[in-house]
């Protein structure tokens, strides 16, 4: 019942998004010249690496598939944000903490940090939780963007031009607000009480960006965490009823993700009514990934629940972290959905990105926002494409 209600709400939200996008100012649906991205490790292109200067993601096999060296991305290659950038025809979005370099940030900047939460750490400390997260929450990332603005434009008209031609990606964010409490053994009922605060924080960040001048914002929902190998290992159950017979994922965990996404959809609907000339697009990461688990072989995946890199536990996860001594690495990451038990492979991210660009997981499909995008999307179907010589990546 919960799943069918969620899907109905999603369909209504996507229909509303289509109606709003058909009535926004033409500048918001023209080709984009830059991307500004916020979020956590699912979108981080190197900020955590520059912040911590250590960790498994700083070592091979991270980055081996596309960049052929570690870049700070928590995958074997490109992320969703990379595929979006390549489809739009802008440079890969550089990490903010790496500094402006020779190119500056006028073509975009990535503020996402691995381990980032939507809520500040004080929220969790006040509730007595041990805090292991980075201090770079969503509010901090928004502050970074504000500090960057004077270097991007110096007049109202110049700023308006940059905002009108920029694509803002807010998320995925919120997953880390739940991950550690779940692993610490906090009950799902208690963690559900965090969700309205997480959604409120995301909504506040969207308001700030809109008030600053953002015209097109893509807001992803959370992935189905009941399909993640780390969760499947930690919450493995002898009861068959705990698992979805269609996908093999843990039902009650996916229902939690649906709850987060349902609240997010409600708030996005309110924002669309408040800002009718702003395009606010919901990116349905949940259904995009779940569709892969429903039919993994149709996407070329042979081992949907086994992590490609790591070892020592169920689904090759996660007693030995990927990148650590003793971790095993599969021979062909393109056959795996999961890279390290928590993050996805480049192949999985590419499949999701195509679902966002071509549909049906954004409304309208992002490919319709820019006439020349279709020729770039064709490149996503070519597995042999190599990075440009001047790719924005943090080599270590």
Protein backbone atom coordinates (compact mmCIF):
# COMPACT_ATOMS: atom_id res chain seq x y z
CA UNK A 1 0.00 0.00 0.00
CA UNK A 2 2.82 2.40 0.93
CA UNK A 3 4.68 1.69 -2.32
CA UNK A 4 1.63 2.22 -4.53
CA UNK A 5 0.76 5.49 -2.77
CA UNK A 6 4.34 6.69 -3.16
CA UNK A 7 4.34 5.89 -6.87
CA UNK A 8 1.06 7.76 -7.37
CA UNK A 9 2.50 10.81 -5.60
CA UNK A 10 5.63 10.53 -7.71
CA UNK A 11 3.63 10.43 -10.95
CA UNK A 12 1.64 13.48 -9.89
CA UNK A 13 4.82 15.33 -8.93
CA UNK A 14 6.50 14.54 -12.26
CA UNK A 15 3.38 15.74 -14.10
CA UNK A 16 3.46 19.00 -12.13
CA UNK A 17 7.16 19.36 -12.87
CA UNK A 18 6.41 18.99 -16.58
CA UNK A 19 3.74 21.69 -16.42
CA UNK A 20 6.04 24.08 -14.55
CA UNK A 21 8.96 23.47 -16.91
CA UNK A 22 6.74 24.25 -19.89
CA UNK A 23 5.97 27.68 -18.43
CA UNK A 24 9.34 28.84 -17.12
CA UNK A 25 11.37 31.60 -18.75
CA UNK A 26 13.07 30.36 -21.95
CA UNK A 27 16.49 30.95 -20.38
CA UNK A 28 15.84 28.19 -17.88
CA UNK A 29 15.38 25.58 -20.60
CA UNK A 30 18.24 26.61 -22.88
CA UNK A 31 21.62 24.92 -22.97
CA UNK A 32 23.55 25.16 -19.72
CA UNK A 33 27.07 26.53 -19.58
CA UNK A 34 27.95 25.50 -16.01
CA UNK A 35 26.98 23.15 -13.20
CA UNK A 36 27.04 23.81 -9.46
CA UNK A 37 26.71 20.66 -7.39
CA UNK A 38 26.08 19.97 -3.69
CA UNK A 39 25.81 16.69 -1.80
CA UNK A 40 27.79 13.79 -0.39
CA UNK A 41 30.04 11.00 -1.67
CA UNK A 42 27.58 10.11 -4.43
CA UNK A 43 28.47 13.43 -6.08
CA UNK A 44 31.92 14.23 -4.61
CA UNK A 45 34.52 14.69 -7.37
CA UNK A 46 37.43 15.19 -4.98
CA UNK A 47 36.55 17.47 -2.07
CA UNK A 48 36.91 14.82 0.63
CA UNK A 49 40.30 13.84 -0.75
CA UNK A 50 41.51 17.44 -0.51
CA UNK A 51 40.00 17.76 2.95
CA UNK A 52 41.38 14.54 4.46
CA UNK A 53 44.29 13.79 2.09
CA UNK A 54 43.94 10.11 2.96
CA UNK A 55 41.55 7.19 2.89
CA UNK A 56 40.87 4.25 0.57
CA UNK A 57 39.44 6.50 -2.14
CA UNK A 58 42.91 8.05 -2.46
CA UNK A 59 44.30 4.73 -3.69
CA UNK A 60 43.72 2.39 -6.58
CA UNK A 61 41.51 0.62 -7.52
CA UNK A 62 39.35 3.73 -6.98
CA UNK A 63 39.23 5.55 -10.31
CA UNK A 64 40.70 2.66 -12.29
CA UNK A 65 38.00 2.30 -14.96
CA UNK A 66 37.87 5.78 -16.50
CA UNK A 67 40.50 8.07 -15.02
CA UNK A 68 42.99 5.23 -14.44
CA UNK A 69 44.07 6.83 -11.18
CA UNK A 70 42.29 7.88 -7.95
CA UNK A 71 40.49 11.22 -8.19
CA UNK A 72 38.68 11.29 -4.87
CA UNK A 73 35.53 9.87 -6.43
CA UNK A 74 34.02 7.01 -4.43
CA UNK A 75 33.79 4.71 -7.44
CA UNK A 76 35.87 2.99 -10.08
CA UNK A 77 35.11 5.84 -12.50
CA UNK A 78 32.59 8.53 -13.32
CA UNK A 79 29.62 9.55 -11.19
CA UNK A 80 26.15 10.68 -12.23
CA UNK A 81 27.26 14.33 -12.12
CA UNK A 82 30.13 13.50 -14.50
CA UNK A 83 27.80 11.91 -17.04
CA UNK A 84 25.42 14.88 -16.78
CA UNK A 85 28.32 17.29 -17.40
CA UNK A 86 29.51 15.31 -20.41
CA UNK A 87 25.97 15.15 -21.81
CA UNK A 88 25.51 18.91 -21.45
CA UNK A 89 28.94 19.54 -22.92
CA UNK A 90 30.60 21.33 -19.99
CA UNK A 91 33.86 20.35 -18.25
CA UNK A 92 33.72 17.78 -15.47
CA UNK A 93 32.74 19.73 -12.38
CA UNK A 94 35.89 20.55 -10.36
CA UNK A 95 35.97 20.12 -6.57
CA UNK A 96 35.77 23.43 -4.73
CA UNK A 97 38.40 22.55 -2.12
CA UNK A 98 40.99 21.94 -4.86
CA UNK A 99 40.98 25.66 -5.59
CA UNK A 100 40.14 27.48 -8.82
CA UNK A 101 43.23 26.37 -10.74
CA UNK A 102 43.85 27.86 -14.16
CA UNK A 103 40.23 27.64 -15.28
CA UNK A 104 38.45 29.18 -12.29
CA UNK A 105 34.91 28.16 -11.40
CA UNK A 106 32.91 30.02 -14.04
CA UNK A 107 32.06 26.71 -15.74
CA UNK A 108 30.91 25.25 -12.44
CA UNK A 109 32.04 24.00 -9.05
CA UNK A 110 31.32 20.95 -6.96
CA UNK A 111 30.75 21.49 -3.24
CA UNK A 112 29.72 17.89 -2.45
CA UNK A 113 31.86 16.18 0.20
CA UNK A 114 32.05 12.48 1.00
CA UNK A 115 30.36 11.82 4.34
CA UNK A 116 28.44 15.10 4.30
CA UNK A 117 25.06 15.29 5.99
CA UNK A 118 22.13 17.58 5.40
CA UNK A 119 21.90 18.38 9.12
CA UNK A 120 24.75 19.89 11.12
CA UNK A 121 26.57 17.67 13.57
CA UNK A 122 25.12 19.62 16.49
CA UNK A 123 21.74 18.07 15.67
CA UNK A 124 23.14 14.60 16.32
CA UNK A 125 25.28 15.58 19.30
CA UNK A 126 22.20 17.04 20.98
CA UNK A 127 20.60 13.61 20.70
CA UNK A 128 23.57 11.82 22.21
CA UNK A 129 24.94 10.19 19.06
CA UNK A 130 28.60 9.56 18.41
CA UNK A 131 29.45 11.80 15.48
CA UNK A 132 31.87 10.58 12.82
CA UNK A 133 30.74 12.74 9.93
CA UNK A 134 32.60 15.51 8.20
CA UNK A 135 31.75 19.01 9.38
CA UNK A 136 30.93 19.97 5.79
CA UNK A 137 27.16 19.76 6.00
CA UNK A 138 24.79 21.17 3.40
CA UNK A 139 24.72 24.57 5.14
CA UNK A 140 28.50 24.78 4.93
CA UNK A 141 28.40 23.92 1.23
CA UNK A 142 25.85 26.67 0.60
CA UNK A 143 28.11 29.11 2.46
CA UNK A 144 31.00 28.11 0.18
CA UNK A 145 28.86 28.96 -2.83
CA UNK A 146 28.00 32.35 -1.38
CA UNK A 147 31.69 33.08 -0.83
CA UNK A 148 32.46 32.05 -4.39
CA UNK A 149 29.83 34.32 -5.96
CA UNK A 150 31.88 37.58 -5.99
CA UNK A 151 34.52 35.83 -8.11
CA UNK A 152 31.87 34.67 -10.58
CA UNK A 153 30.08 37.95 -11.25
CA UNK A 154 30.36 41.58 -10.26
CA UNK A 155 27.00 43.05 -11.28
CA UNK A 156 23.35 42.06 -11.02
CA UNK A 157 23.05 41.58 -14.77
CA UNK A 158 26.23 39.48 -14.93
CA UNK A 159 25.07 37.32 -12.01
CA UNK A 160 21.64 36.91 -13.61
CA UNK A 161 23.28 35.67 -16.77
CA UNK A 162 25.34 33.08 -14.91
CA UNK A 163 22.40 31.86 -12.83
CA UNK A 164 20.10 31.62 -15.85
CA UNK A 165 22.55 29.43 -17.76
CA UNK A 166 23.62 27.25 -14.80
CA UNK A 167 22.28 23.90 -13.70
CA UNK A 168 22.13 23.45 -9.93
CA UNK A 169 22.29 19.88 -8.59
CA UNK A 170 21.27 19.68 -4.94
CA UNK A 171 22.05 16.19 -3.84
CA UNK A 172 21.69 13.43 -3.31
CA UNK A 173 21.90 14.58 0.32
CA UNK A 174 20.42 13.12 3.50
CA UNK A 175 21.61 9.54 3.17
CA UNK A 176 24.45 10.02 5.64
CA UNK A 177 22.04 11.48 8.18
CA UNK A 178 20.54 7.99 8.36
CA UNK A 179 23.47 5.67 7.58
CA UNK A 180 25.42 5.97 10.81
CA UNK A 181 22.36 5.88 13.10
CA UNK A 182 21.19 2.71 11.34
CA UNK A 183 24.61 1.09 11.70
CA UNK A 184 24.79 2.20 15.35
CA UNK A 185 21.59 0.27 15.98
CA UNK A 186 19.19 3.19 16.39
CA UNK A 187 15.63 2.04 15.75
CA UNK A 188 13.96 2.88 12.46
CA UNK A 189 11.13 4.60 14.36
CA UNK A 190 13.59 7.01 15.96
CA UNK A 191 15.46 7.65 12.72
CA UNK A 192 12.15 8.44 11.01
CA UNK A 193 11.84 11.40 13.37
CA UNK A 194 14.96 12.91 11.70
CA UNK A 195 13.42 12.93 8.25
CA UNK A 196 11.30 16.11 8.53
CA UNK A 197 14.38 18.00 9.77
CA UNK A 198 16.47 16.65 6.88
CA UNK A 199 13.81 17.66 4.36
CA UNK A 200 13.45 21.09 5.97
CA UNK A 201 17.20 21.63 5.65
CA UNK A 202 17.16 20.66 1.97
CA UNK A 203 14.19 22.95 1.36
CA UNK A 204 15.96 25.84 3.10
CA UNK A 205 19.02 25.37 0.91
CA UNK A 206 16.83 25.39 -2.20
CA UNK A 207 15.20 28.63 -1.05
CA UNK A 208 18.62 30.25 -0.57
CA UNK A 209 19.76 29.26 -4.06
CA UNK A 210 16.49 30.44 -5.62
CA UNK A 211 16.63 33.78 -3.79
CA UNK A 212 20.21 34.20 -5.00
CA UNK A 213 18.95 33.72 -8.55
CA UNK A 214 19.05 30.00 -9.45
CA UNK A 215 16.59 29.21 -12.26
CA UNK A 216 16.98 25.47 -12.81
CA UNK A 217 17.50 23.07 -9.90
CA UNK A 218 17.65 19.28 -9.98
CA UNK A 219 16.88 17.66 -6.64
CA UNK A 220 17.53 13.90 -6.38
CA UNK A 221 15.76 11.66 -3.93
CA UNK A 222 17.50 8.95 -1.92
CA UNK A 223 18.48 5.55 -3.28
CA UNK A 224 16.69 2.37 -2.10
CA UNK A 225 18.98 1.57 0.84
CA UNK A 226 17.45 -1.90 1.22
CA UNK A 227 19.39 -2.89 -1.92
CA UNK A 228 22.79 -1.69 -0.65
CA UNK A 229 25.23 -4.55 0.19
CA UNK A 230 26.32 -2.95 3.48
CA UNK A 231 22.69 -2.84 4.64
CA UNK A 232 21.98 -6.33 3.30
CA UNK A 233 24.92 -7.62 5.33
CA UNK A 234 24.13 -5.67 8.50
CA UNK A 235 20.40 -6.42 8.51
CA UNK A 236 20.37 -9.91 6.98
CA UNK A 237 17.32 -11.81 8.11
CA UNK A 238 16.22 -15.48 8.09
CA UNK A 239 12.65 -14.31 7.44
CA UNK A 240 11.77 -14.42 3.75
CA UNK A 241 8.99 -11.87 4.23
CA UNK A 242 11.60 -9.20 5.03
CA UNK A 243 12.76 -9.28 1.40
CA UNK A 244 11.06 -8.05 -1.75
CA UNK A 245 10.53 -11.18 -3.89
CA UNK A 246 10.94 -9.14 -7.07
CA UNK A 247 14.29 -7.55 -6.25
CA UNK A 248 15.72 -9.34 -3.21
CA UNK A 249 16.07 -6.01 -1.38
CA UNK A 250 15.04 -5.48 2.26
CA UNK A 251 11.49 -4.12 2.18
CA UNK A 252 11.39 -2.12 5.41
CA UNK A 253 14.59 -0.26 4.55
CA UNK A 254 13.29 0.65 1.11
CA UNK A 255 10.06 1.83 2.70
CA UNK A 256 12.17 4.18 4.81
CA UNK A 257 13.76 5.60 1.64
CA UNK A 258 10.28 6.02 0.17
CA UNK A 259 9.23 7.97 3.25
CA UNK A 260 12.15 10.39 2.81
CA UNK A 261 11.39 10.80 -0.89
CA UNK A 262 7.66 11.26 -0.30
CA UNK A 263 8.29 14.13 2.14
CA UNK A 264 10.80 15.65 -0.27
CA UNK A 265 8.28 15.50 -3.12
CA UNK A 266 5.67 17.25 -0.97
CA UNK A 267 8.06 20.12 -0.21
CA UNK A 268 9.17 20.45 -3.82
CA UNK A 269 5.52 20.84 -4.78
CA UNK A 270 5.18 23.71 -2.31
CA UNK A 271 8.32 25.37 -3.65
CA UNK A 272 7.03 25.15 -7.23
CA UNK A 273 3.90 27.00 -6.20
CA UNK A 274 5.97 29.68 -4.43
CA UNK A 275 8.39 30.09 -7.34
CA UNK A 276 6.40 29.43 -10.53
CA UNK A 277 9.14 30.79 -12.81
CA UNK A 278 11.82 28.49 -11.44
CA UNK A 279 12.32 24.95 -12.76
CA UNK A 280 12.57 22.52 -9.84
CA UNK A 281 13.14 19.02 -11.18
CA UNK A 282 12.88 15.91 -9.02
CA UNK A 283 15.44 13.28 -10.03
CA UNK A 284 14.05 9.90 -9.10
CA UNK A 285 17.22 8.09 -8.02
CA UNK A 286 15.08 5.57 -6.13
CA UNK A 287 13.18 4.19 -9.12
CA UNK A 288 16.15 4.59 -11.44
CA UNK A 289 18.23 2.22 -9.31
CA UNK A 290 15.35 -0.07 -8.34
CA UNK A 291 14.58 -0.64 -12.02
CA UNK A 292 18.10 -2.04 -12.37
CA UNK A 293 17.59 -4.44 -9.46
CA UNK A 294 14.29 -5.58 -10.97
CA UNK A 295 16.01 -6.60 -14.22
CA UNK A 296 19.78 -6.55 -13.66
CA UNK A 297 20.62 -8.73 -16.65
CA UNK A 298 18.85 -6.33 -19.02
CA UNK A 299 21.41 -3.72 -17.94
CA UNK A 300 24.33 -6.13 -18.22
CA UNK A 301 24.79 -6.79 -14.50
CA UNK A 302 25.52 -10.37 -13.45
CA UNK A 303 26.05 -9.92 -9.69
CA UNK A 304 23.61 -7.25 -8.50
CA UNK A 305 24.34 -7.54 -4.78
CA UNK A 306 28.04 -8.41 -4.74
CA UNK A 307 30.48 -5.55 -4.20
CA UNK A 308 33.18 -5.45 -6.85
CA UNK A 309 35.84 -4.27 -4.40
CA UNK A 310 36.30 -5.30 -0.77
CA UNK A 311 35.80 -8.60 0.96
CA UNK A 312 35.39 -10.58 4.12
CA UNK A 313 31.62 -10.75 4.41
CA UNK A 314 28.26 -11.38 2.79
CA UNK A 315 28.12 -10.04 -0.78
CA UNK A 316 31.92 -9.43 -0.64
CA UNK A 317 31.19 -6.69 1.87
CA UNK A 318 32.45 -5.08 4.00
CA UNK A 319 34.93 -6.43 6.55
CA UNK A 320 37.86 -5.43 4.35
CA UNK A 321 37.24 -1.98 2.85
CA UNK A 322 38.00 -1.43 -0.81
CA UNK A 323 41.46 0.05 -1.18
CA UNK A 324 42.79 -1.57 1.98
CA UNK A 325 45.39 -4.30 2.00
CA UNK A 326 43.77 -7.68 1.44
CA UNK A 327 40.74 -6.32 -0.42
CA UNK A 328 39.80 -8.22 -3.55
CA UNK A 329 38.81 -6.53 -6.80
CA UNK A 330 36.54 -8.08 -9.41
CA UNK A 331 37.87 -8.49 -12.94
CA UNK A 332 35.02 -6.59 -14.60
CA UNK A 333 33.34 -3.77 -12.63
CA UNK A 334 30.82 -3.29 -15.45
CA UNK A 335 29.13 -6.53 -14.36
CA UNK A 336 28.54 -5.19 -10.84
CA UNK A 337 26.10 -2.59 -9.54
CA UNK A 338 27.96 -2.03 -6.27
CA UNK A 339 31.56 -0.86 -6.28
CA UNK A 340 32.58 -1.02 -2.61
CA UNK A 341 29.44 -2.14 -0.79
CA UNK A 342 28.11 1.39 -0.30
CA UNK A 343 28.77 3.22 -3.57
CA UNK A 344 28.02 2.24 -7.14
CA UNK A 345 30.17 1.35 -10.11
CA UNK A 346 30.62 3.67 -13.05
CA UNK A 347 28.44 1.27 -15.07
CA UNK A 348 25.56 1.65 -12.60
CA UNK A 349 25.95 5.42 -12.44
CA UNK A 350 25.91 5.55 -16.24
CA UNK A 351 22.66 3.57 -16.39
CA UNK A 352 21.07 5.94 -13.87
CA UNK A 353 22.35 9.02 -15.69
CA UNK A 354 20.82 7.80 -18.94
CA UNK A 355 17.51 7.32 -17.14
CA UNK A 356 17.68 10.93 -15.99
CA UNK A 357 18.75 12.35 -19.33
CA UNK A 358 16.52 10.31 -21.60
CA UNK A 359 13.72 9.59 -19.13
CA UNK A 360 11.66 8.41 -17.43
CA UNK A 361 13.28 9.50 -14.14
CA UNK A 362 13.03 13.26 -14.65
CA UNK A 363 10.06 15.09 -16.13
CA UNK A 364 10.54 16.18 -18.80
CA UNK A 365 13.68 14.18 -19.63
CA UNK A 366 16.74 16.41 -19.28
CA UNK A 367 17.64 15.65 -22.88
CA UNK A 368 14.79 17.99 -23.92
CA UNK A 369 16.27 20.94 -22.03
CA UNK A 370 19.05 21.40 -24.54
CA UNK A 371 18.84 20.69 -28.29
CA UNK A 372 22.44 19.50 -28.63
CA UNK A 373 22.40 17.18 -25.62
CA UNK A 374 21.19 14.19 -27.64
CA UNK A 375 24.47 13.92 -29.53
CA UNK A 376 26.37 13.98 -26.24
CA UNK A 377 24.08 11.37 -24.70
CA UNK A 378 25.05 9.04 -27.53
CA UNK A 379 28.55 9.07 -26.08
CA UNK A 380 27.20 7.51 -22.87
CA UNK A 381 26.43 4.40 -24.88
CA UNK A 382 30.10 4.10 -25.89
CA UNK A 383 31.94 2.29 -23.10
CA UNK A 384 35.33 3.00 -24.67
CA UNK A 385 35.16 6.79 -24.31
CA UNK A 386 38.26 8.09 -22.52
CA UNK A 387 38.70 11.22 -20.40
CA UNK A 388 39.92 14.44 -22.01
CA UNK A 389 43.52 15.40 -21.44
CA UNK A 390 42.50 18.28 -19.18
CA UNK A 391 39.85 16.43 -17.16
CA UNK A 392 39.00 18.06 -13.87
CA UNK A 393 40.17 15.41 -11.46
CA UNK A 394 42.37 15.21 -8.41
CA UNK A 395 45.22 12.90 -9.28
CA UNK A 396 47.13 11.44 -6.36
